[in-house]
């Protein structure tokens, strides 16, 4: 019995064809086996607890300000530094974080105060660390960040008092 030698170029062509065939099969399997992903709008931007707070906050501000919800922190705070890596580090730390509510002036949408509604998850270590970071950054930016604990009901007058204390002469509510 004799072994027949194969031309190296034939081997290369067969290997390339085999690799292309494997890639084609892998693509077809992925295309037909990959699960379908469904996208639909949310029913509300806020949770039921946030909705209760929103209603009391709306009553407290008495139409003098606009309430925005789920505003990204990176859109509220400008991060600058002479060090690019330091700026990127801080920016990355806030890029995916948001505040629950933001109060802005109606005329120009200038932010006056951010609000976080603290539920039981804010007692977790990772959330406390997040809250400390945001408190520090908002303090440095001189933009008030108010924390309210979740509750079954809210007193608009108490919210109003906290707002007056935080914003001071910038905004006074009608009584």
Protein backbone atom coordinates (compact mmCIF):
# COMPACT_ATOMS: atom_id res chain seq x y z
CA UNK A 1 0.00 0.00 0.00
CA UNK A 2 1.39 3.42 -0.91
CA UNK A 3 0.67 6.81 0.66
CA UNK A 4 -0.15 9.52 -1.74
CA UNK A 5 1.27 12.95 -0.90
CA UNK A 6 -1.04 15.93 -0.91
CA UNK A 7 -0.10 19.24 -2.38
CA UNK A 8 0.35 21.91 0.40
CA UNK A 9 -1.77 24.44 -1.49
CA UNK A 10 -4.62 21.93 -1.65
CA UNK A 11 -4.39 21.45 2.13
CA UNK A 12 -4.46 25.22 2.67
CA UNK A 13 -7.52 25.62 0.44
CA UNK A 14 -9.32 22.77 2.21
CA UNK A 15 -8.49 24.24 5.66
CA UNK A 16 -9.72 27.69 4.59
CA UNK A 17 -12.92 26.21 3.17
CA UNK A 18 -13.43 24.24 6.39
CA UNK A 19 -12.93 27.37 8.50
CA UNK A 20 -15.43 29.33 6.38
CA UNK A 21 -17.91 26.47 6.62
CA UNK A 22 -17.51 26.37 10.44
CA UNK A 23 -18.04 30.15 10.70
CA UNK A 24 -21.13 29.91 8.49
CA UNK A 25 -22.57 27.08 10.59
CA UNK A 26 -21.79 28.99 13.83
CA UNK A 27 -23.50 32.11 12.47
CA UNK A 28 -26.57 30.14 11.36
CA UNK A 29 -26.84 28.40 14.73
CA UNK A 30 -26.50 31.71 16.58
CA UNK A 31 -29.01 33.42 14.30
CA UNK A 32 -31.67 30.72 14.67
CA UNK A 33 -31.01 29.70 18.30
CA UNK A 34 -30.50 33.14 19.89
CA UNK A 35 -33.50 33.97 22.08
CA UNK A 36 -35.85 36.71 21.01
CA UNK A 37 -35.59 39.91 23.02
CA UNK A 38 -38.73 41.98 23.44
CA UNK A 39 -38.65 45.73 24.02
CA UNK A 40 -41.62 47.68 25.34
CA UNK A 41 -42.15 50.95 27.18
CA UNK A 42 -42.37 50.97 30.96
CA UNK A 43 -45.74 51.67 32.56
CA UNK A 44 -44.31 54.49 34.70
CA UNK A 45 -40.96 56.18 35.23
CA UNK A 46 -41.43 55.96 38.98
CA UNK A 47 -42.21 53.24 41.49
CA UNK A 48 -45.45 53.41 43.49
CA UNK A 49 -43.46 54.77 46.49
CA UNK A 50 -41.88 57.45 44.29
CA UNK A 51 -45.32 58.31 42.88
CA UNK A 52 -46.65 58.99 46.40
CA UNK A 53 -43.68 61.21 47.14
CA UNK A 54 -44.01 62.96 43.76
CA UNK A 55 -47.62 63.89 44.53
CA UNK A 56 -46.68 65.39 47.92
CA UNK A 57 -43.67 67.16 46.38
CA UNK A 58 -45.86 68.59 43.63
CA UNK A 59 -48.24 69.95 46.26
CA UNK A 60 -45.33 71.32 48.30
CA UNK A 61 -43.77 73.30 45.45
CA UNK A 62 -47.17 74.68 44.45
CA UNK A 63 -46.33 75.04 40.75
CA UNK A 64 -43.31 77.29 41.36
CA UNK A 65 -40.76 74.77 40.04
CA UNK A 66 -40.66 71.89 37.59
CA UNK A 67 -40.10 68.36 38.86
CA UNK A 68 -37.95 66.12 36.67
CA UNK A 69 -37.58 62.42 37.37
CA UNK A 70 -34.69 59.97 36.94
CA UNK A 71 -32.11 62.55 35.89
CA UNK A 72 -28.63 61.19 35.23
CA UNK A 73 -26.03 62.58 37.66
CA UNK A 74 -23.52 63.01 34.82
CA UNK A 75 -25.97 65.45 33.22
CA UNK A 76 -26.15 67.48 36.44
CA UNK A 77 -22.51 67.73 37.42
CA UNK A 78 -19.72 68.91 35.16
CA UNK A 79 -16.50 66.98 35.82
CA UNK A 80 -13.25 68.75 34.92
CA UNK A 81 -9.62 68.10 35.79
CA UNK A 82 -6.16 68.76 34.45
CA UNK A 83 -5.66 65.01 34.75
CA UNK A 84 -7.56 63.09 32.09
CA UNK A 85 -7.47 59.79 33.99
CA UNK A 86 -8.73 61.46 37.19
CA UNK A 87 -11.58 63.13 35.29
CA UNK A 88 -12.52 59.83 33.62
CA UNK A 89 -12.45 57.98 36.95
CA UNK A 90 -14.93 60.42 38.50
CA UNK A 91 -17.07 60.57 35.36
CA UNK A 92 -17.29 56.76 35.20
CA UNK A 93 -18.34 56.69 38.85
CA UNK A 94 -21.41 58.85 38.09
CA UNK A 95 -22.18 58.05 34.43
CA UNK A 96 -24.82 55.41 35.22
CA UNK A 97 -26.27 56.93 38.38
CA UNK A 98 -29.40 59.05 38.60
CA UNK A 99 -31.30 61.01 41.20
CA UNK A 100 -34.95 60.24 41.83
CA UNK A 101 -36.14 63.82 41.38
CA UNK A 102 -34.68 67.14 40.33
CA UNK A 103 -36.27 70.52 41.01
CA UNK A 104 -35.54 73.12 38.35
CA UNK A 105 -36.57 76.69 37.61
CA UNK A 106 -39.36 76.83 35.05
CA UNK A 107 -37.81 79.70 33.06
CA UNK A 108 -34.43 78.14 32.25
CA UNK A 109 -34.42 74.62 33.76
CA UNK A 110 -31.59 75.61 36.12
CA UNK A 111 -31.21 72.86 38.74
CA UNK A 112 -32.01 74.00 42.28
CA UNK A 113 -32.06 70.76 44.26
CA UNK A 114 -31.84 67.02 43.72
CA UNK A 115 -33.88 64.56 45.74
CA UNK A 116 -33.23 60.95 46.65
CA UNK A 117 -35.99 58.84 48.11
CA UNK A 118 -34.26 56.38 50.44
CA UNK A 119 -35.91 53.00 50.81
CA UNK A 120 -34.57 50.00 52.73
CA UNK A 121 -31.97 49.26 50.02
CA UNK A 122 -30.09 52.40 51.07
CA UNK A 123 -28.99 50.56 54.24
CA UNK A 124 -26.95 48.07 52.16
CA UNK A 125 -23.20 48.67 52.13
CA UNK A 126 -22.99 49.27 48.39
CA UNK A 127 -25.86 51.76 48.49
CA UNK A 128 -24.38 53.60 51.49
CA UNK A 129 -21.12 53.92 49.55
CA UNK A 130 -23.05 55.23 46.52
CA UNK A 131 -24.96 57.72 48.70
CA UNK A 132 -21.74 58.95 50.31
CA UNK A 133 -20.17 59.49 46.89
CA UNK A 134 -23.19 61.44 45.64
CA UNK A 135 -23.44 63.47 48.85
CA UNK A 136 -19.77 64.42 48.51
CA UNK A 137 -20.02 65.33 44.82
CA UNK A 138 -23.22 67.35 45.22
CA UNK A 139 -21.71 69.18 48.20
CA UNK A 140 -18.61 70.06 46.13
CA UNK A 141 -20.86 71.25 43.30
CA UNK A 142 -22.90 73.30 45.80
CA UNK A 143 -26.13 71.72 44.57
CA UNK A 144 -28.37 70.54 47.41
CA UNK A 145 -29.08 66.81 47.49
CA UNK A 146 -31.96 66.09 49.85
CA UNK A 147 -32.72 62.63 51.20
CA UNK A 148 -36.23 61.62 52.21
CA UNK A 149 -37.08 58.24 53.70
CA UNK A 150 -39.83 56.28 52.00
CA UNK A 151 -43.11 56.39 53.87
CA UNK A 152 -46.71 55.37 53.41
CA UNK A 153 -47.67 59.07 53.32
CA UNK A 154 -45.82 62.38 53.09
CA UNK A 155 -46.56 65.77 54.58
CA UNK A 156 -46.25 68.48 51.90
CA UNK A 157 -45.56 71.10 54.60
CA UNK A 158 -42.55 69.10 55.85
CA UNK A 159 -41.24 68.79 52.31
CA UNK A 160 -41.81 72.52 51.83
CA UNK A 161 -39.82 73.31 54.99
CA UNK A 162 -36.90 71.13 53.87
CA UNK A 163 -36.95 72.83 50.47
CA UNK A 164 -36.89 76.31 52.00
CA UNK A 165 -34.02 75.28 54.26
CA UNK A 166 -32.00 73.81 51.38
CA UNK A 167 -32.64 76.38 48.70
CA UNK A 168 -32.97 79.43 50.90
CA UNK A 169 -33.67 82.72 49.17
CA UNK A 170 -33.50 81.17 45.71
CA UNK A 171 -37.06 80.01 46.02
CA UNK A 172 -39.92 80.77 48.35
CA UNK A 173 -43.22 78.99 48.19
CA UNK A 174 -46.61 80.64 48.37
CA UNK A 175 -48.41 80.01 51.61
